[in-house]
PDB file of all heavy atoms in Angstrom:
ATOM      1  N   LYS A   1     142.465  79.930 184.627  1.00  0.00           N
ATOM      2  CA  LYS A   1     143.392  80.486 185.626  1.00  0.00           C
ATOM      3  C   LYS A   1     143.343  82.011 185.713  1.00  0.00           C
ATOM      4  O   LYS A   1     143.740  82.573 186.727  1.00  0.00           O
ATOM      5  CB  LYS A   1     144.832  80.071 185.311  1.00  0.00           C
ATOM      6  CG  LYS A   1     145.359  80.533 183.960  1.00  0.00           C
ATOM      7  CD  LYS A   1     146.770  80.031 183.720  1.00  0.00           C
ATOM      8  CE  LYS A   1     147.320  80.528 182.392  1.00  0.00           C
ATOM      9  NZ  LYS A   1     148.695  80.023 182.124  1.00  0.00           N
ATOM     10  N   ILE A   2     142.804  82.665 184.676  1.00  0.00           N
ATOM     11  CA  ILE A   2     142.806  84.124 184.700  1.00  0.00           C
ATOM     12  C   ILE A   2     141.648  84.697 185.546  1.00  0.00           C
ATOM     13  O   ILE A   2     141.710  85.831 186.001  1.00  0.00           O
ATOM     14  CB  ILE A   2     142.722  84.708 183.267  1.00  0.00           C
ATOM     15  CG1 ILE A   2     143.245  86.155 183.273  1.00  0.00           C
ATOM     16  CG2 ILE A   2     141.302  84.641 182.721  1.00  0.00           C
ATOM     17  CD1 ILE A   2     143.463  86.742 181.911  1.00  0.00           C
ATOM     18  N   LEU A   3     140.648  83.885 185.828  1.00  0.00           N
ATOM     19  CA  LEU A   3     139.494  84.386 186.569  1.00  0.00           C
ATOM     20  C   LEU A   3     139.897  84.724 188.004  1.00  0.00           C
ATOM     21  O   LEU A   3     140.733  84.068 188.611  1.00  0.00           O
ATOM     22  CB  LEU A   3     138.363  83.334 186.545  1.00  0.00           C
ATOM     23  CG  LEU A   3     137.738  83.081 185.184  1.00  0.00           C
ATOM     24  CD1 LEU A   3     136.738  81.932 185.274  1.00  0.00           C
ATOM     25  CD2 LEU A   3     137.059  84.357 184.626  1.00  0.00           C
ATOM     26  N   PRO A   4     139.276  85.769 188.584  1.00  0.00           N
ATOM     27  CA  PRO A   4     139.661  86.189 189.942  1.00  0.00           C
ATOM     28  C   PRO A   4     139.316  85.128 190.992  1.00  0.00           C
ATOM     29  O   PRO A   4     138.342  84.392 190.843  1.00  0.00           O
ATOM     30  CB  PRO A   4     138.867  87.469 190.148  1.00  0.00           C
ATOM     31  CG  PRO A   4     137.698  87.350 189.205  1.00  0.00           C
ATOM     32  CD  PRO A   4     138.209  86.643 187.996  1.00  0.00           C
ATOM     33  N   HIS A   5     140.132  85.091 192.030  1.00  0.00           N
ATOM     34  CA  HIS A   5     139.908  84.134 193.120  1.00  0.00           C
ATOM     35  C   HIS A   5     138.958  84.647 194.174  1.00  0.00           C
ATOM     36  O   HIS A   5     138.409  83.864 194.959  1.00  0.00           O
ATOM     37  CB  HIS A   5     141.260  83.778 193.769  1.00  0.00           C
ATOM     38  CG  HIS A   5     142.166  83.048 192.848  1.00  0.00           C
ATOM     39  ND1 HIS A   5     142.073  81.701 192.575  1.00  0.00           N
ATOM     40  CD2 HIS A   5     143.214  83.506 192.082  1.00  0.00           C
ATOM     41  CE1 HIS A   5     143.000  81.323 191.713  1.00  0.00           C
ATOM     42  NE2 HIS A   5     143.721  82.390 191.398  1.00  0.00           N
ATOM     43  N   ALA A   6     138.796  85.946 194.249  1.00  0.00           N
ATOM     44  CA  ALA A   6     137.922  86.544 195.295  1.00  0.00           C
ATOM     45  C   ALA A   6     136.433  86.216 195.022  1.00  0.00           C
ATOM     46  O   ALA A   6     136.025  86.102 193.875  1.00  0.00           O
ATOM     47  CB  ALA A   6     138.097  88.056 195.324  1.00  0.00           C
ATOM     48  N   PRO A   7     135.654  86.027 196.102  1.00  0.00           N
ATOM     49  CA  PRO A   7     134.195  85.817 195.910  1.00  0.00           C
ATOM     50  C   PRO A   7     133.619  86.983 195.045  1.00  0.00           C
ATOM     51  O   PRO A   7     133.971  88.146 195.203  1.00  0.00           O
ATOM     52  CB  PRO A   7     133.679  85.895 197.320  1.00  0.00           C
ATOM     53  CG  PRO A   7     134.814  85.418 198.178  1.00  0.00           C
ATOM     54  CD  PRO A   7     136.050  85.947 197.496  1.00  0.00           C
ATOM     55  N   SER A   8     132.733  86.611 194.121  1.00  0.00           N
ATOM     56  CA  SER A   8     132.252  87.555 193.111  1.00  0.00           C
ATOM     57  C   SER A   8     130.751  87.790 193.290  1.00  0.00           C
ATOM     58  O   SER A   8     130.031  86.897 193.791  1.00  0.00           O
ATOM     59  CB  SER A   8     132.541  87.035 191.714  1.00  0.00           C
ATOM     60  OG  SER A   8     133.948  86.809 191.595  1.00  0.00           O
ATOM     61  N   SER A   9     130.293  88.952 192.853  1.00  0.00           N
ATOM     62  CA  SER A   9     128.857  89.274 193.006  1.00  0.00           C
ATOM     63  C   SER A   9     128.184  89.482 191.646  1.00  0.00           C
ATOM     64  O   SER A   9     126.965  89.273 191.525  1.00  0.00           O
ATOM     65  CB  SER A   9     128.681  90.534 193.866  1.00  0.00           C
ATOM     66  OG  SER A   9     129.383  91.640 193.297  1.00  0.00           O
ATOM     67  N   LYS A  10     128.907  89.948 190.617  1.00  0.00           N
ATOM     68  CA  LYS A  10     128.327  90.225 189.311  1.00  0.00           C
ATOM     69  C   LYS A  10     129.329  89.926 188.219  1.00  0.00           C
ATOM     70  O   LYS A  10     130.533  90.144 188.390  1.00  0.00           O
ATOM     71  CB  LYS A  10     127.896  91.724 189.218  1.00  0.00           C
ATOM     72  CG  LYS A  10     126.767  92.153 190.118  1.00  0.00           C
ATOM     73  CD  LYS A  10     125.443  91.857 189.540  1.00  0.00           C
ATOM     74  CE  LYS A  10     124.318  92.428 190.384  1.00  0.00           C
ATOM     75  NZ  LYS A  10     122.981  92.250 189.806  1.00  0.00           N
ATOM     76  N   VAL A  11     128.844  89.477 187.059  1.00  0.00           N
ATOM     77  CA  VAL A  11     129.641  89.364 185.860  1.00  0.00           C
ATOM     78  C   VAL A  11     128.894  90.017 184.724  1.00  0.00           C
ATOM     79  O   VAL A  11     127.651  89.895 184.612  1.00  0.00           O
ATOM     80  CB  VAL A  11     129.968  87.881 185.512  1.00  0.00           C
ATOM     81  CG1 VAL A  11     130.809  87.255 186.595  1.00  0.00           C
ATOM     82  CG2 VAL A  11     128.672  87.076 185.292  1.00  0.00           C
ATOM     83  N   PHE A  12     129.629  90.746 183.874  1.00  0.00           N
ATOM     84  CA  PHE A  12     129.036  91.424 182.717  1.00  0.00           C
ATOM     85  C   PHE A  12     129.902  91.108 181.492  1.00  0.00           C
ATOM     86  O   PHE A  12     131.116  91.249 181.498  1.00  0.00           O
ATOM     87  CB  PHE A  12     128.997  92.935 182.929  1.00  0.00           C
ATOM     88  CG  PHE A  12     128.298  93.330 184.192  1.00  0.00           C
ATOM     89  CD1 PHE A  12     129.027  93.660 185.349  1.00  0.00           C
ATOM     90  CD2 PHE A  12     126.905  93.362 184.248  1.00  0.00           C
ATOM     91  CE1 PHE A  12     128.348  94.065 186.498  1.00  0.00           C
ATOM     92  CE2 PHE A  12     126.246  93.738 185.430  1.00  0.00           C
ATOM     93  CZ  PHE A  12     126.990  94.090 186.534  1.00  0.00           C
ATOM     94  N   LEU A  13     129.260  90.678 180.416  1.00  0.00           N
ATOM     95  CA  LEU A  13     129.952  90.305 179.202  1.00  0.00           C
ATOM     96  C   LEU A  13     129.566  91.283 178.117  1.00  0.00           C
ATOM     97  O   LEU A  13     128.367  91.498 177.842  1.00  0.00           O
ATOM     98  CB  LEU A  13     129.629  88.881 178.825  1.00  0.00           C
ATOM     99  CG  LEU A  13     129.883  87.820 179.914  1.00  0.00           C
ATOM    100  CD1 LEU A  13     129.443  86.453 179.469  1.00  0.00           C
ATOM    101  CD2 LEU A  13     131.352  87.834 180.320  1.00  0.00           C
ATOM    102  N   LEU A  14     130.564  91.854 177.440  1.00  0.00           N
ATOM    103  CA  LEU A  14     130.336  92.850 176.382  1.00  0.00           C
ATOM    104  C   LEU A  14     131.551  92.901 175.497  1.00  0.00           C
ATOM    105  O   LEU A  14     132.630  92.400 175.843  1.00  0.00           O
ATOM    106  CB  LEU A  14     130.058  94.229 176.994  1.00  0.00           C
ATOM    107  CG  LEU A  14     131.235  94.899 177.709  1.00  0.00           C
ATOM    108  CD1 LEU A  14     130.987  96.410 177.793  1.00  0.00           C
ATOM    109  CD2 LEU A  14     131.453  94.353 179.109  1.00  0.00           C
ATOM    110  N   ASP A  15     131.396  93.507 174.323  1.00  0.00           N
ATOM    111  CA  ASP A  15     132.531  93.768 173.436  1.00  0.00           C
ATOM    112  C   ASP A  15     132.982  95.206 173.668  1.00  0.00           C
ATOM    113  O   ASP A  15     132.473  96.110 173.054  1.00  0.00           O
ATOM    114  CB  ASP A  15     132.150  93.532 171.996  1.00  0.00           C
ATOM    115  CG  ASP A  15     133.341  93.692 171.018  1.00  0.00           C
ATOM    116  OD1 ASP A  15     134.449  93.874 171.516  1.00  0.00           O
ATOM    117  OD2 ASP A  15     133.116  93.717 169.804  1.00  0.00           O
ATOM    118  N   ALA A  16     133.885  95.403 174.625  1.00  0.00           N
ATOM    119  CA  ALA A  16     134.263  96.758 175.030  1.00  0.00           C
ATOM    120  C   ALA A  16     135.096  97.472 174.015  1.00  0.00           C
ATOM    121  O   ALA A  16     135.039  98.691 173.849  1.00  0.00           O
ATOM    122  CB  ALA A  16     135.009  96.712 176.362  1.00  0.00           C
ATOM    123  N   ASN A  17     135.908  96.713 173.245  1.00  0.00           N
ATOM    124  CA  ASN A  17     136.889  97.356 172.322  1.00  0.00           C
ATOM    125  C   ASN A  17     136.644  97.063 170.855  1.00  0.00           C
ATOM    126  O   ASN A  17     137.452  97.402 170.014  1.00  0.00           O
ATOM    127  CB  ASN A  17     138.291  96.923 172.705  1.00  0.00           C
ATOM    128  CG  ASN A  17     138.477  95.418 172.701  1.00  0.00           C
ATOM    129  OD1 ASN A  17     137.514  94.676 172.466  1.00  0.00           O
ATOM    130  ND2 ASN A  17     139.688  94.962 172.960  1.00  0.00           N
ATOM    131  N   GLY A  18     135.490  96.456 170.530  1.00  0.00           N
ATOM    132  CA  GLY A  18     135.114  96.301 169.126  1.00  0.00           C
ATOM    133  C   GLY A  18     135.804  95.207 168.380  1.00  0.00           C
ATOM    134  O   GLY A  18     135.765  95.164 167.133  1.00  0.00           O
ATOM    135  N   THR A  19     136.419  94.231 169.063  1.00  0.00           N
ATOM    136  CA  THR A  19     137.153  93.157 168.361  1.00  0.00           C
ATOM    137  C   THR A  19     136.266  91.972 168.040  1.00  0.00           C
ATOM    138  O   THR A  19     136.706  91.003 167.441  1.00  0.00           O
ATOM    139  CB  THR A  19     138.320  92.658 169.247  1.00  0.00           C
ATOM    140  OG1 THR A  19     137.784  92.107 170.452  1.00  0.00           O
ATOM    141  CG2 THR A  19     139.281  93.790 169.555  1.00  0.00           C
ATOM    142  N   LYS A  20     135.001  91.991 168.515  1.00  0.00           N
ATOM    143  CA  LYS A  20     134.028  90.908 168.306  1.00  0.00           C
ATOM    144  C   LYS A  20     134.215  89.740 169.248  1.00  0.00           C
ATOM    145  O   LYS A  20     133.419  88.785 169.226  1.00  0.00           O
ATOM    146  CB  LYS A  20     134.006  90.389 166.862  1.00  0.00           C
ATOM    147  CG  LYS A  20     133.889  91.458 165.790  1.00  0.00           C
ATOM    148  CD  LYS A  20     132.655  92.308 165.968  1.00  0.00           C
ATOM    149  CE  LYS A  20     132.540  93.364 164.890  1.00  0.00           C
ATOM    150  NZ  LYS A  20     131.361  94.279 165.120  1.00  0.00           N
ATOM    151  N   TRP A  21     135.250  89.788 170.112  1.00  0.00           N
ATOM    152  CA  TRP A  21     135.411  88.788 171.146  1.00  0.00           C
ATOM    153  C   TRP A  21     134.853  89.315 172.449  1.00  0.00           C
ATOM    154  O   TRP A  21     134.969  90.499 172.749  1.00  0.00           O
ATOM    155  CB  TRP A  21     136.896  88.418 171.327  1.00  0.00           C
ATOM    156  CG  TRP A  21     137.452  87.633 170.202  1.00  0.00           C
ATOM    157  CD1 TRP A  21     138.195  88.100 169.151  1.00  0.00           C
ATOM    158  CD2 TRP A  21     137.290  86.224 169.971  1.00  0.00           C
ATOM    159  NE1 TRP A  21     138.517  87.068 168.299  1.00  0.00           N
ATOM    160  CE2 TRP A  21     137.976  85.915 168.786  1.00  0.00           C
ATOM    161  CE3 TRP A  21     136.642  85.195 170.682  1.00  0.00           C
ATOM    162  CZ2 TRP A  21     138.036  84.625 168.267  1.00  0.00           C
ATOM    163  CZ3 TRP A  21     136.696  83.917 170.164  1.00  0.00           C
ATOM    164  CH2 TRP A  21     137.386  83.633 168.970  1.00  0.00           C
ATOM    165  N   ALA A  22     134.221  88.433 173.247  1.00  0.00           N
ATOM    166  CA  ALA A  22     133.583  88.838 174.500  1.00  0.00           C
ATOM    167  C   ALA A  22     134.635  89.253 175.512  1.00  0.00           C
ATOM    168  O   ALA A  22     135.597  88.538 175.774  1.00  0.00           O
ATOM    169  CB  ALA A  22     132.733  87.710 175.055  1.00  0.00           C
ATOM    170  N   ASP A  23     134.419  90.456 176.078  1.00  0.00           N
ATOM    171  CA  ASP A  23     135.230  90.935 177.206  1.00  0.00           C
ATOM    172  C   ASP A  23     134.436  90.733 178.488  1.00  0.00           C
ATOM    173  O   ASP A  23     133.205  90.590 178.464  1.00  0.00           O
ATOM    174  CB  ASP A  23     135.583  92.407 177.029  1.00  0.00           C
ATOM    175  CG  ASP A  23     136.268  92.674 175.696  1.00  0.00           C
ATOM    176  OD1 ASP A  23     137.225  91.972 175.373  1.00  0.00           O
ATOM    177  OD2 ASP A  23     135.819  93.608 174.978  1.00  0.00           O
ATOM    178  N   MET A  24     135.133  90.708 179.618  1.00  0.00           N
ATOM    179  CA  MET A  24     134.486  90.396 180.882  1.00  0.00           C
ATOM    180  C   MET A  24     134.761  91.488 181.911  1.00  0.00           C
ATOM    181  O   MET A  24     135.918  91.877 182.110  1.00  0.00           O
ATOM    182  CB  MET A  24     135.007  89.062 181.457  1.00  0.00           C
ATOM    183  CG  MET A  24     134.872  87.874 180.528  1.00  0.00           C
ATOM    184  SD  MET A  24     135.455  86.352 181.261  1.00  0.00           S
ATOM    185  CE  MET A  24     137.227  86.634 181.385  1.00  0.00           C
ATOM    186  N   LEU A  25     133.717  91.988 182.570  1.00  0.00           N
ATOM    187  CA  LEU A  25     133.844  92.828 183.750  1.00  0.00           C
ATOM    188  C   LEU A  25     133.248  92.033 184.918  1.00  0.00           C
ATOM    189  O   LEU A  25     132.089  91.619 184.882  1.00  0.00           O
ATOM    190  CB  LEU A  25     133.052  94.132 183.577  1.00  0.00           C
ATOM    191  CG  LEU A  25     133.867  95.389 183.219  1.00  0.00           C
ATOM    192  CD1 LEU A  25     132.925  96.502 182.775  1.00  0.00           C
ATOM    193  CD2 LEU A  25     134.726  95.838 184.401  1.00  0.00           C
ATOM    194  N   ILE A  26     134.091  91.809 185.940  1.00  0.00           N
ATOM    195  CA  ILE A  26     133.674  90.985 187.086  1.00  0.00           C
ATOM    196  C   ILE A  26     133.804  91.828 188.335  1.00  0.00           C
ATOM    197  O   ILE A  26     134.867  92.366 188.608  1.00  0.00           O
ATOM    198  CB  ILE A  26     134.512  89.726 187.155  1.00  0.00           C
ATOM    199  CG1 ILE A  26     134.407  88.925 185.828  1.00  0.00           C
ATOM    200  CG2 ILE A  26     134.040  88.843 188.327  1.00  0.00           C
ATOM    201  CD1 ILE A  26     135.274  87.649 185.824  1.00  0.00           C
ATOM    202  N   LEU A  27     132.731  91.887 189.124  1.00  0.00           N
ATOM    203  CA  LEU A  27     132.766  92.588 190.409  1.00  0.00           C
ATOM    204  C   LEU A  27     133.006  91.602 191.531  1.00  0.00           C
ATOM    205  O   LEU A  27     132.289  90.588 191.660  1.00  0.00           O
ATOM    206  CB  LEU A  27     131.422  93.314 190.685  1.00  0.00           C
ATOM    207  CG  LEU A  27     130.965  94.325 189.587  1.00  0.00           C
ATOM    208  CD1 LEU A  27     129.748  95.080 190.088  1.00  0.00           C
ATOM    209  CD2 LEU A  27     132.076  95.270 189.212  1.00  0.00           C
ATOM    210  N   THR A  28     134.069  91.832 192.339  1.00  0.00           N
ATOM    211  CA  THR A  28     134.423  90.940 193.408  1.00  0.00           C
ATOM    212  C   THR A  28     134.566  91.762 194.696  1.00  0.00           C
ATOM    213  O   THR A  28     134.518  92.978 194.678  1.00  0.00           O
ATOM    214  CB  THR A  28     135.757  90.215 193.120  1.00  0.00           C
ATOM    215  OG1 THR A  28     136.836  91.108 193.366  1.00  0.00           O
ATOM    216  CG2 THR A  28     135.833  89.676 191.693  1.00  0.00           C
ATOM    217  N   GLU A  29     134.774  91.030 195.810  1.00  0.00           N
ATOM    218  CA  GLU A  29     135.007  91.722 197.055  1.00  0.00           C
ATOM    219  C   GLU A  29     136.297  92.521 197.029  1.00  0.00           C
ATOM    220  O   GLU A  29     136.455  93.485 197.778  1.00  0.00           O
ATOM    221  CB  GLU A  29     135.080  90.670 198.206  1.00  0.00           C
ATOM    222  CG  GLU A  29     133.732  90.054 198.506  1.00  0.00           C
ATOM    223  CD  GLU A  29     133.828  89.066 199.662  1.00  0.00           C
ATOM    224  OE1 GLU A  29     134.955  88.851 200.178  1.00  0.00           O
ATOM    225  OE2 GLU A  29     132.786  88.524 200.069  1.00  0.00           O
ATOM    226  N   ALA A  30     137.233  92.156 196.157  1.00  0.00           N
ATOM    227  CA  ALA A  30     138.522  92.838 196.056  1.00  0.00           C
ATOM    228  C   ALA A  30     138.471  94.018 195.095  1.00  0.00           C
ATOM    229  O   ALA A  30     139.442  94.783 195.004  1.00  0.00           O
ATOM    230  CB  ALA A  30     139.620  91.861 195.640  1.00  0.00           C
ATOM    231  N   GLY A  31     137.381  94.164 194.332  1.00  0.00           N
ATOM    232  CA  GLY A  31     137.272  95.219 193.343  1.00  0.00           C
ATOM    233  C   GLY A  31     136.801  94.691 192.015  1.00  0.00           C
ATOM    234  O   GLY A  31     136.449  93.534 191.865  1.00  0.00           O
ATOM    235  N   ALA A  32     136.805  95.571 191.007  1.00  0.00           N
ATOM    236  CA  ALA A  32     136.368  95.224 189.672  1.00  0.00           C
ATOM    237  C   ALA A  32     137.547  94.743 188.833  1.00  0.00           C
ATOM    238  O   ALA A  32     138.658  95.279 188.954  1.00  0.00           O
ATOM    239  CB  ALA A  32     135.669  96.376 189.003  1.00  0.00           C
ATOM    240  N   TYR A  33     137.317  93.759 187.958  1.00  0.00           N
ATOM    241  CA  TYR A  33     138.345  93.264 187.056  1.00  0.00           C
ATOM    242  C   TYR A  33     137.835  93.346 185.617  1.00  0.00           C
ATOM    243  O   TYR A  33     136.658  93.049 185.358  1.00  0.00           O
ATOM    244  CB  TYR A  33     138.669  91.806 187.392  1.00  0.00           C
ATOM    245  CG  TYR A  33     139.429  91.619 188.682  1.00  0.00           C
ATOM    246  CD1 TYR A  33     138.719  91.531 189.885  1.00  0.00           C
ATOM    247  CD2 TYR A  33     140.794  91.499 188.742  1.00  0.00           C
ATOM    248  CE1 TYR A  33     139.368  91.377 191.106  1.00  0.00           C
ATOM    249  CE2 TYR A  33     141.470  91.329 189.923  1.00  0.00           C
ATOM    250  CZ  TYR A  33     140.741  91.277 191.100  1.00  0.00           C
ATOM    251  OH  TYR A  33     141.421  91.114 192.298  1.00  0.00           O
ATOM    252  N   LEU A  34     138.724  93.704 184.705  1.00  0.00           N
ATOM    253  CA  LEU A  34     138.410  93.796 183.282  1.00  0.00           C
ATOM    254  C   LEU A  34     139.328  92.878 182.507  1.00  0.00           C
ATOM    255  O   LEU A  34     140.550  92.969 182.660  1.00  0.00           O
ATOM    256  CB  LEU A  34     138.548  95.225 182.721  1.00  0.00           C
ATOM    257  CG  LEU A  34     138.384  95.383 181.237  1.00  0.00           C
ATOM    258  CD1 LEU A  34     136.960  95.038 180.771  1.00  0.00           C
ATOM    259  CD2 LEU A  34     138.691  96.833 180.815  1.00  0.00           C
ATOM    260  N   TYR A  35     138.729  91.972 181.719  1.00  0.00           N
ATOM    261  CA  TYR A  35     139.510  91.056 180.890  1.00  0.00           C
ATOM    262  C   TYR A  35     139.075  91.199 179.441  1.00  0.00           C
ATOM    263  O   TYR A  35     137.867  91.093 179.119  1.00  0.00           O
ATOM    264  CB  TYR A  35     139.282  89.584 181.328  1.00  0.00           C
ATOM    265  CG  TYR A  35     139.580  89.357 182.803  1.00  0.00           C
ATOM    266  CD1 TYR A  35     138.564  89.352 183.754  1.00  0.00           C
ATOM    267  CD2 TYR A  35     140.890  89.087 183.209  1.00  0.00           C
ATOM    268  CE1 TYR A  35     138.849  89.134 185.089  1.00  0.00           C
ATOM    269  CE2 TYR A  35     141.169  88.870 184.548  1.00  0.00           C
ATOM    270  CZ  TYR A  35     140.130  88.870 185.488  1.00  0.00           C
ATOM    271  OH  TYR A  35     140.388  88.667 186.815  1.00  0.00           O
ATOM    272  N   HIS A  36     140.014  91.468 178.563  1.00  0.00           N
ATOM    273  CA  HIS A  36     139.733  91.563 177.140  1.00  0.00           C
ATOM    274  C   HIS A  36     139.800  90.151 176.506  1.00  0.00           C
ATOM    275  O   HIS A  36     140.742  89.407 176.750  1.00  0.00           O
ATOM    276  CB  HIS A  36     140.725  92.457 176.424  1.00  0.00           C
ATOM    277  CG  HIS A  36     140.367  93.920 176.532  1.00  0.00           C
ATOM    278  ND1 HIS A  36     141.161  94.927 176.005  1.00  0.00           N
ATOM    279  CD2 HIS A  36     139.303  94.544 177.072  1.00  0.00           C
ATOM    280  CE1 HIS A  36     140.628  96.081 176.237  1.00  0.00           C
ATOM    281  NE2 HIS A  36     139.487  95.887 176.888  1.00  0.00           N
ATOM    282  N   GLY A  37     138.823  89.830 175.676  1.00  0.00           N
ATOM    283  CA  GLY A  37     138.834  88.599 174.931  1.00  0.00           C
ATOM    284  C   GLY A  37     139.814  88.693 173.765  1.00  0.00           C
ATOM    285  O   GLY A  37     139.821  89.693 173.028  1.00  0.00           O
ATOM    286  N   LYS A  38     140.637  87.673 173.601  1.00  0.00           N
ATOM    287  CA  LYS A  38     141.701  87.681 172.576  1.00  0.00           C
ATOM    288  C   LYS A  38     141.526  86.581 171.553  1.00  0.00           C
ATOM    289  O   LYS A  38     142.236  86.567 170.511  1.00  0.00           O
ATOM    290  CB  LYS A  38     143.071  87.568 173.235  1.00  0.00           C
ATOM    291  CG  LYS A  38     143.405  88.720 174.160  1.00  0.00           C
ATOM    292  CD  LYS A  38     144.753  88.507 174.864  1.00  0.00           C
ATOM    293  CE  LYS A  38     145.895  88.435 173.869  1.00  0.00           C
ATOM    294  NZ  LYS A  38     147.197  88.218 174.562  1.00  0.00           N
ATOM    295  N   GLY A  39     140.644  85.646 171.835  1.00  0.00           N
ATOM    296  CA  GLY A  39     140.458  84.501 170.933  1.00  0.00           C
ATOM    297  C   GLY A  39     139.740  83.412 171.676  1.00  0.00           C
ATOM    298  O   GLY A  39     139.138  83.627 172.751  1.00  0.00           O
ATOM    299  N   LYS A  40     139.801  82.202 171.166  1.00  0.00           N
ATOM    300  CA  LYS A  40     139.088  81.056 171.729  1.00  0.00           C
ATOM    301  C   LYS A  40     139.566  80.776 173.181  1.00  0.00           C
ATOM    302  O   LYS A  40     140.690  80.333 173.378  1.00  0.00           O
ATOM    303  CB  LYS A  40     139.289  79.836 170.877  1.00  0.00           C
ATOM    304  CG  LYS A  40     138.529  78.600 171.302  1.00  0.00           C
ATOM    305  CD  LYS A  40     138.737  77.460 170.353  1.00  0.00           C
ATOM    306  CE  LYS A  40     137.968  76.225 170.770  1.00  0.00           C
ATOM    307  NZ  LYS A  40     138.146  75.094 169.823  1.00  0.00           N
ATOM    308  N   TRP A  41     138.709  81.099 174.164  1.00  0.00           N
ATOM    309  CA  TRP A  41     139.005  80.899 175.578  1.00  0.00           C
ATOM    310  C   TRP A  41     140.308  81.567 175.986  1.00  0.00           C
ATOM    311  O   TRP A  41     141.011  81.104 176.888  1.00  0.00           O
ATOM    312  CB  TRP A  41     139.026  79.405 175.965  1.00  0.00           C
ATOM    313  CG  TRP A  41     137.731  78.724 175.673  1.00  0.00           C
ATOM    314  CD1 TRP A  41     137.478  77.816 174.688  1.00  0.00           C
ATOM    315  CD2 TRP A  41     136.500  78.884 176.385  1.00  0.00           C
ATOM    316  NE1 TRP A  41     136.169  77.388 174.721  1.00  0.00           N
ATOM    317  CE2 TRP A  41     135.542  78.032 175.757  1.00  0.00           C
ATOM    318  CE3 TRP A  41     136.092  79.653 177.463  1.00  0.00           C
ATOM    319  CZ2 TRP A  41     134.240  77.928 176.191  1.00  0.00           C
ATOM    320  CZ3 TRP A  41     134.776  79.556 177.899  1.00  0.00           C
ATOM    321  CH2 TRP A  41     133.876  78.720 177.269  1.00  0.00           C
ATOM    322  N   SER A  42     140.637  82.669 175.343  1.00  0.00           N
ATOM    323  CA  SER A  42     141.881  83.390 175.633  1.00  0.00           C
ATOM    324  C   SER A  42     141.534  84.830 176.061  1.00  0.00           C
ATOM    325  O   SER A  42     140.742  85.495 175.369  1.00  0.00           O
ATOM    326  CB  SER A  42     142.787  83.404 174.408  1.00  0.00           C
ATOM    327  OG  SER A  42     143.979  84.152 174.648  1.00  0.00           O
TER     328      SER A  42
END
């Protein structure tokens, strides 16, 4: 449910904050979204 609803063009997965969980940067028609990984599928 957290993923953006707008059509998307790119996804980038990285550990942006050093927690060892994958963070997500998603480029959409509405703009860029950043999601921090907090745990298993969270």
